[in-house]
Amino acid sequence: MKPTGVKAGLGRLRRRIGFDGNELRRDVDRRQRSAGLLLLLLFAGVGLPVSWLIARNAYDSGVRAERYEAVTRHEVDATVLKVSDLASGHRVTVTWREPGGQVRTGSYDTWYRAVVGEHLKLWAGPTRVSDVEPRRHARTVGEAVGAGLGAATTAGLPVLAAYLVVRRRSDRRRDRLWDAEWEHLDAGRSR
């Protein structure tokens, strides 16, 4: 029965990576381990910091957009004046009264099929009206996480591909060494 627990798992991982001082390991095994560690350090030293910077920039940009939309957009109660069909969706023309009493009219495109005379809760800004509410912080966080994960994946795939090439070549070399050793063993038995 195999030992269980964290200590046993770490020991298996240490042996699998090759840090066990096993004198039966060949040079090809040591070279493969060294190449893998070098590629891992390359990813940790370059890929992860770049991914962090990309995620941080996406987050900062999202926070700026949140603040801008919170300041420039406000909710209005609009009345539908006209609905025009588009190739995809509808163009809805609405009118609303600003908090200062000024009556404004605007149009926006949507999938929602509004009816003339219907009252809608919309978001008005200085130049346009929309049925999309101002940006929420959850969207900013989600986009930043997505950008960071995408960057880490993009940085990690070439490193992984390089390791797979090293591993394939090492496996071929190991197979040739095994074949040579079996031939040597068979030659010794036939004498």
C-alpha atoms as a PDB file:
ATOM      1  CA  MET A   1       0.000   0.000   0.000  1.00  0.00           C
ATOM      2  CA  LYS A   2       1.305   3.418  -0.979  1.00  0.00           C
ATOM      3  CA  PRO A   3       1.899   5.965   1.756  1.00  0.00           C
ATOM      4  CA  THR A   4      -0.588   8.814   1.667  1.00  0.00           C
ATOM      5  CA  GLY A   5      -0.565  12.375   2.852  1.00  0.00           C
ATOM      6  CA  VAL A   6       1.108  15.584   1.902  1.00  0.00           C
ATOM      7  CA  LYS A   7       4.618  14.403   2.800  1.00  0.00           C
ATOM      8  CA  ALA A   8       4.290  11.268   0.691  1.00  0.00           C
ATOM      9  CA  GLY A   9       2.845  13.271  -2.218  1.00  0.00           C
ATOM     10  CA  LEU A  10       5.707  15.760  -2.075  1.00  0.00           C
ATOM     11  CA  GLY A  11       8.184  12.897  -2.008  1.00  0.00           C
ATOM     12  CA  ARG A  12       6.627  11.337  -5.122  1.00  0.00           C
ATOM     13  CA  LEU A  13       6.683  14.713  -6.863  1.00  0.00           C
ATOM     14  CA  ARG A  14      10.350  15.225  -5.911  1.00  0.00           C
ATOM     15  CA  ARG A  15      11.282  11.794  -7.303  1.00  0.00           C
ATOM     16  CA  ARG A  16       9.214  12.319 -10.454  1.00  0.00           C
ATOM     17  CA  ILE A  17      10.981  15.612 -11.163  1.00  0.00           C
ATOM     18  CA  GLY A  18      14.307  13.890 -10.624  1.00  0.00           C
ATOM     19  CA  PHE A  19      15.588  15.323  -7.341  1.00  0.00           C
ATOM     20  CA  ASP A  20      16.271  12.028  -5.663  1.00  0.00           C
ATOM     21  CA  GLY A  21      19.963  11.295  -6.254  1.00  0.00           C
ATOM     22  CA  ASN A  22      19.116   8.093  -8.112  1.00  0.00           C
ATOM     23  CA  GLU A  23      22.337   6.773  -9.675  1.00  0.00           C
ATOM     24  CA  LEU A  24      20.310   4.825 -12.240  1.00  0.00           C
ATOM     25  CA  ARG A  25      19.205   8.044 -13.915  1.00  0.00           C
ATOM     26  CA  ARG A  26      20.876   8.585 -17.253  1.00  0.00           C
ATOM     27  CA  ASP A  27      22.320  11.774 -18.681  1.00  0.00           C
ATOM     28  CA  VAL A  28      19.286  12.082 -20.957  1.00  0.00           C
ATOM     29  CA  ASP A  29      17.041  12.134 -17.873  1.00  0.00           C
ATOM     30  CA  ARG A  30      19.145  14.852 -16.253  1.00  0.00           C
ATOM     31  CA  ARG A  31      19.166  16.946 -19.446  1.00  0.00           C
ATOM     32  CA  GLN A  32      15.400  16.636 -19.767  1.00  0.00           C
ATOM     33  CA  ARG A  33      14.923  17.697 -16.149  1.00  0.00           C
ATOM     34  CA  SER A  34      17.298  20.656 -16.601  1.00  0.00           C
ATOM     35  CA  ALA A  35      15.535  21.788 -19.778  1.00  0.00           C
ATOM     36  CA  GLY A  36      12.153  21.512 -18.053  1.00  0.00           C
ATOM     37  CA  LEU A  37      13.316  23.542 -15.063  1.00  0.00           C
ATOM     38  CA  LEU A  38      14.882  26.157 -17.341  1.00  0.00           C
ATOM     39  CA  LEU A  39      11.644  26.496 -19.331  1.00  0.00           C
ATOM     40  CA  LEU A  40       9.627  26.694 -16.112  1.00  0.00           C
ATOM     41  CA  LEU A  41      11.891  29.460 -14.815  1.00  0.00           C
ATOM     42  CA  LEU A  42      11.575  31.261 -18.153  1.00  0.00           C
ATOM     43  CA  PHE A  43       7.786  31.146 -17.913  1.00  0.00           C
ATOM     44  CA  ALA A  44       7.808  32.225 -14.248  1.00  0.00           C
ATOM     45  CA  GLY A  45      10.317  35.008 -14.916  1.00  0.00           C
ATOM     46  CA  VAL A  46       8.836  36.414 -18.119  1.00  0.00           C
ATOM     47  CA  GLY A  47       5.369  34.992 -18.787  1.00  0.00           C
ATOM     48  CA  LEU A  48       3.815  35.566 -15.388  1.00  0.00           C
ATOM     49  CA  PRO A  49       5.002  39.180 -14.958  1.00  0.00           C
ATOM     50  CA  VAL A  50       3.804  40.060 -18.466  1.00  0.00           C
ATOM     51  CA  SER A  51       0.442  38.408 -17.718  1.00  0.00           C
ATOM     52  CA  TRP A  52       0.198  40.408 -14.497  1.00  0.00           C
ATOM     53  CA  LEU A  53       0.912  43.677 -16.352  1.00  0.00           C
ATOM     54  CA  ILE A  54      -1.729  42.905 -18.974  1.00  0.00           C
ATOM     55  CA  ALA A  55      -4.311  42.046 -16.312  1.00  0.00           C
ATOM     56  CA  ARG A  56      -3.415  45.180 -14.349  1.00  0.00           C
ATOM     57  CA  ASN A  57      -3.768  47.403 -17.437  1.00  0.00           C
ATOM     58  CA  ALA A  58      -7.152  45.838 -18.258  1.00  0.00           C
ATOM     59  CA  TYR A  59      -8.291  46.415 -14.673  1.00  0.00           C
ATOM     60  CA  ASP A  60      -7.114  50.048 -14.618  1.00  0.00           C
ATOM     61  CA  SER A  61      -8.816  50.730 -17.952  1.00  0.00           C
ATOM     62  CA  GLY A  62     -12.045  49.158 -16.682  1.00  0.00           C
ATOM     63  CA  VAL A  63     -11.993  51.234 -13.487  1.00  0.00           C
ATOM     64  CA  ARG A  64     -11.518  54.413 -15.535  1.00  0.00           C
ATOM     65  CA  ALA A  65     -14.486  53.418 -17.722  1.00  0.00           C
ATOM     66  CA  GLU A  66     -16.588  52.691 -14.596  1.00  0.00           C
ATOM     67  CA  ARG A  67     -15.840  56.116 -13.144  1.00  0.00           C
ATOM     68  CA  TYR A  68     -16.490  57.926 -16.406  1.00  0.00           C
ATOM     69  CA  GLU A  69     -19.823  56.197 -17.003  1.00  0.00           C
ATOM     70  CA  ALA A  70     -20.909  56.738 -13.393  1.00  0.00           C
ATOM     71  CA  VAL A  71     -20.323  60.475 -13.776  1.00  0.00           C
ATOM     72  CA  THR A  72     -21.702  60.989 -17.289  1.00  0.00           C
ATOM     73  CA  ARG A  73     -24.710  58.636 -17.422  1.00  0.00           C
ATOM     74  CA  HIS A  74     -27.934  58.669 -15.433  1.00  0.00           C
ATOM     75  CA  GLU A  75     -31.153  56.670 -15.444  1.00  0.00           C
ATOM     76  CA  VAL A  76     -34.189  58.192 -17.186  1.00  0.00           C
ATOM     77  CA  ASP A  77     -37.813  57.205 -17.699  1.00  0.00           C
ATOM     78  CA  ALA A  78     -38.244  57.361 -21.492  1.00  0.00           C
ATOM     79  CA  THR A  79     -41.320  57.050 -23.685  1.00  0.00           C
ATOM     80  CA  VAL A  80     -41.041  55.197 -27.000  1.00  0.00           C
ATOM     81  CA  LEU A  81     -41.909  57.421 -29.981  1.00  0.00           C
ATOM     82  CA  LYS A  82     -40.952  55.207 -32.921  1.00  0.00           C
ATOM     83  CA  VAL A  83     -39.626  51.671 -33.592  1.00  0.00           C
ATOM     84  CA  SER A  84     -37.816  50.861 -36.870  1.00  0.00           C
ATOM     85  CA  ASP A  85     -36.746  47.376 -37.882  1.00  0.00           C
ATOM     86  CA  LEU A  86     -33.088  46.879 -38.786  1.00  0.00           C
ATOM     87  CA  ALA A  87     -31.327  43.937 -40.416  1.00  0.00           C
ATOM     88  CA  SER A  88     -30.482  42.750 -36.917  1.00  0.00           C
ATOM     89  CA  GLY A  89     -32.589  44.207 -34.132  1.00  0.00           C
ATOM     90  CA  HIS A  90     -34.555  47.437 -33.885  1.00  0.00           C
ATOM     91  CA  ARG A  91     -33.875  51.168 -33.727  1.00  0.00           C
ATOM     92  CA  VAL A  92     -35.962  52.718 -30.961  1.00  0.00           C
ATOM     93  CA  THR A  93     -36.555  56.487 -30.807  1.00  0.00           C
ATOM     94  CA  VAL A  94     -37.477  57.763 -27.345  1.00  0.00           C
ATOM     95  CA  THR A  95     -38.101  61.003 -25.502  1.00  0.00           C
ATOM     96  CA  TRP A  96     -37.414  61.803 -21.841  1.00  0.00           C
ATOM     97  CA  ARG A  97     -37.226  64.691 -19.434  1.00  0.00           C
ATOM     98  CA  GLU A  98     -33.870  65.547 -17.863  1.00  0.00           C
ATOM     99  CA  PRO A  99     -33.692  66.307 -14.092  1.00  0.00           C
ATOM    100  CA  GLY A 100     -33.473  70.033 -14.944  1.00  0.00           C
ATOM    101  CA  GLY A 101     -36.734  69.858 -16.923  1.00  0.00           C
ATOM    102  CA  GLN A 102     -35.286  69.861 -20.454  1.00  0.00           C
ATOM    103  CA  VAL A 103     -37.014  67.442 -22.876  1.00  0.00           C
ATOM    104  CA  ARG A 104     -34.605  65.365 -24.985  1.00  0.00           C
ATOM    105  CA  THR A 105     -35.052  62.879 -27.807  1.00  0.00           C
ATOM    106  CA  GLY A 106     -32.660  60.142 -28.890  1.00  0.00           C
ATOM    107  CA  SER A 107     -32.385  56.767 -30.606  1.00  0.00           C
ATOM    108  CA  TYR A 108     -30.606  53.547 -29.801  1.00  0.00           C
ATOM    109  CA  ASP A 109     -30.317  50.069 -31.334  1.00  0.00           C
ATOM    110  CA  THR A 110     -31.514  47.024 -29.426  1.00  0.00           C
ATOM    111  CA  TRP A 111     -32.808  43.468 -29.756  1.00  0.00           C
ATOM    112  CA  TYR A 112     -35.815  44.299 -27.584  1.00  0.00           C
ATOM    113  CA  ARG A 113     -39.003  44.899 -29.603  1.00  0.00           C
ATOM    114  CA  ALA A 114     -40.479  47.988 -27.915  1.00  0.00           C
ATOM    115  CA  VAL A 115     -43.999  49.289 -28.547  1.00  0.00           C
ATOM    116  CA  VAL A 116     -44.837  52.930 -29.274  1.00  0.00           C
ATOM    117  CA  GLY A 117     -45.988  54.612 -26.074  1.00  0.00           C
ATOM    118  CA  GLU A 118     -44.172  52.122 -23.813  1.00  0.00           C
ATOM    119  CA  HIS A 119     -42.211  53.530 -20.850  1.00  0.00           C
ATOM    120  CA  LEU A 120     -38.639  52.227 -20.523  1.00  0.00           C
ATOM    121  CA  LYS A 121     -35.877  52.683 -17.962  1.00  0.00           C
ATOM    122  CA  LEU A 122     -32.856  53.785 -20.004  1.00  0.00           C
ATOM    123  CA  TRP A 123     -29.442  55.338 -19.410  1.00  0.00           C
ATOM    124  CA  ALA A 124     -28.789  58.780 -20.868  1.00  0.00           C
ATOM    125  CA  GLY A 125     -25.434  60.422 -21.360  1.00  0.00           C
ATOM    126  CA  PRO A 126     -24.332  63.722 -22.849  1.00  0.00           C
ATOM    127  CA  THR A 127     -24.467  62.445 -26.434  1.00  0.00           C
ATOM    128  CA  ARG A 128     -26.706  59.385 -26.505  1.00  0.00           C
ATOM    129  CA  VAL A 129     -29.231  57.142 -24.789  1.00  0.00           C
ATOM    130  CA  SER A 130     -28.904  53.391 -24.306  1.00  0.00           C
ATOM    131  CA  ASP A 131     -30.564  50.424 -22.683  1.00  0.00           C
ATOM    132  CA  VAL A 132     -27.161  49.267 -21.389  1.00  0.00           C
ATOM    133  CA  GLU A 133     -26.524  50.273 -17.797  1.00  0.00           C
ATOM    134  CA  PRO A 134     -23.191  51.783 -16.752  1.00  0.00           C
ATOM    135  CA  ARG A 135     -20.278  49.448 -16.367  1.00  0.00           C
ATOM    136  CA  ARG A 136     -20.207  47.401 -13.161  1.00  0.00           C
ATOM    137  CA  HIS A 137     -17.123  46.501 -11.198  1.00  0.00           C
ATOM    138  CA  ALA A 138     -17.783  42.772 -11.672  1.00  0.00           C
ATOM    139  CA  ARG A 139     -17.362  43.230 -15.419  1.00  0.00           C
ATOM    140  CA  THR A 140     -14.059  45.022 -14.865  1.00  0.00           C
ATOM    141  CA  VAL A 141     -12.773  42.218 -12.638  1.00  0.00           C
ATOM    142  CA  GLY A 142     -13.947  39.553 -15.080  1.00  0.00           C
ATOM    143  CA  GLU A 143     -12.269  41.226 -18.020  1.00  0.00           C
ATOM    144  CA  ALA A 144      -9.032  41.687 -16.076  1.00  0.00           C
ATOM    145  CA  VAL A 145      -8.987  38.021 -15.022  1.00  0.00           C
ATOM    146  CA  GLY A 146      -9.755  36.955 -18.585  1.00  0.00           C
ATOM    147  CA  ALA A 147      -6.991  39.145 -19.980  1.00  0.00           C
ATOM    148  CA  GLY A 148      -4.486  37.807 -17.436  1.00  0.00           C
ATOM    149  CA  LEU A 149      -5.414  34.177 -18.072  1.00  0.00           C
ATOM    150  CA  GLY A 150      -5.317  34.720 -21.818  1.00  0.00           C
ATOM    151  CA  ALA A 151      -1.872  36.282 -21.589  1.00  0.00           C
ATOM    152  CA  ALA A 152      -0.604  33.485 -19.329  1.00  0.00           C
ATOM    153  CA  THR A 153      -1.938  30.883 -21.757  1.00  0.00           C
ATOM    154  CA  THR A 154      -0.386  32.683 -24.710  1.00  0.00           C
ATOM    155  CA  ALA A 155       2.949  32.894 -22.901  1.00  0.00           C
ATOM    156  CA  GLY A 156       2.761  29.322 -21.618  1.00  0.00           C
ATOM    157  CA  LEU A 157       1.897  27.506 -24.841  1.00  0.00           C
ATOM    158  CA  PRO A 158       5.271  28.071 -26.568  1.00  0.00           C
ATOM    159  CA  VAL A 159       7.078  27.042 -23.388  1.00  0.00           C
ATOM    160  CA  LEU A 160       4.952  23.903 -23.147  1.00  0.00           C
ATOM    161  CA  ALA A 161       5.547  23.142 -26.835  1.00  0.00           C
ATOM    162  CA  ALA A 162       9.306  23.516 -26.325  1.00  0.00           C
ATOM    163  CA  TYR A 163       9.190  21.134 -23.360  1.00  0.00           C
ATOM    164  CA  LEU A 164       7.177  18.595 -25.355  1.00  0.00           C
ATOM    165  CA  VAL A 165       9.812  18.715 -28.104  1.00  0.00           C
ATOM    166  CA  VAL A 166      12.557  18.161 -25.507  1.00  0.00           C
ATOM    167  CA  ARG A 167      10.581  15.313 -23.957  1.00  0.00           C
ATOM    168  CA  ARG A 168       9.945  13.623 -27.313  1.00  0.00           C
ATOM    169  CA  ARG A 169      13.635  13.788 -28.222  1.00  0.00           C
ATOM    170  CA  SER A 170      14.601  12.511 -24.788  1.00  0.00           C
ATOM    171  CA  ASP A 171      12.145   9.626 -25.101  1.00  0.00           C
ATOM    172  CA  ARG A 172      13.629   8.684 -28.479  1.00  0.00           C
ATOM    173  CA  ARG A 173      17.126   8.804 -27.021  1.00  0.00           C
ATOM    174  CA  ARG A 174      16.014   6.676 -24.051  1.00  0.00           C
ATOM    175  CA  ASP A 175      14.438   4.130 -26.412  1.00  0.00           C
ATOM    176  CA  ARG A 176      17.678   3.862 -28.419  1.00  0.00           C
ATOM    177  CA  LEU A 177      19.660   3.401 -25.204  1.00  0.00           C
ATOM    178  CA  TRP A 178      17.263   0.679 -24.012  1.00  0.00           C
ATOM    179  CA  ASP A 179      17.486  -1.116 -27.352  1.00  0.00           C
ATOM    180  CA  ALA A 180      21.292  -0.984 -27.229  1.00  0.00           C
ATOM    181  CA  GLU A 181      21.321  -2.342 -23.682  1.00  0.00           C
ATOM    182  CA  TRP A 182      18.933  -5.178 -24.586  1.00  0.00           C
ATOM    183  CA  GLU A 183      21.148  -6.096 -27.554  1.00  0.00           C
ATOM    184  CA  HIS A 184      24.183  -6.079 -25.290  1.00  0.00           C
ATOM    185  CA  LEU A 185      22.335  -8.271 -22.760  1.00  0.00           C
ATOM    186  CA  ASP A 186      21.205 -10.698 -25.469  1.00  0.00           C
ATOM    187  CA  ALA A 187      24.720 -10.873 -26.904  1.00  0.00           C
ATOM    188  CA  GLY A 188      26.054 -11.781 -23.473  1.00  0.00           C
ATOM    189  CA  ARG A 189      23.516 -14.575 -23.016  1.00  0.00           C
ATOM    190  CA  SER A 190      24.171 -16.173 -26.407  1.00  0.00           C
ATOM    191  CA  ARG A 191      27.872 -16.725 -25.736  1.00  0.00           C
END
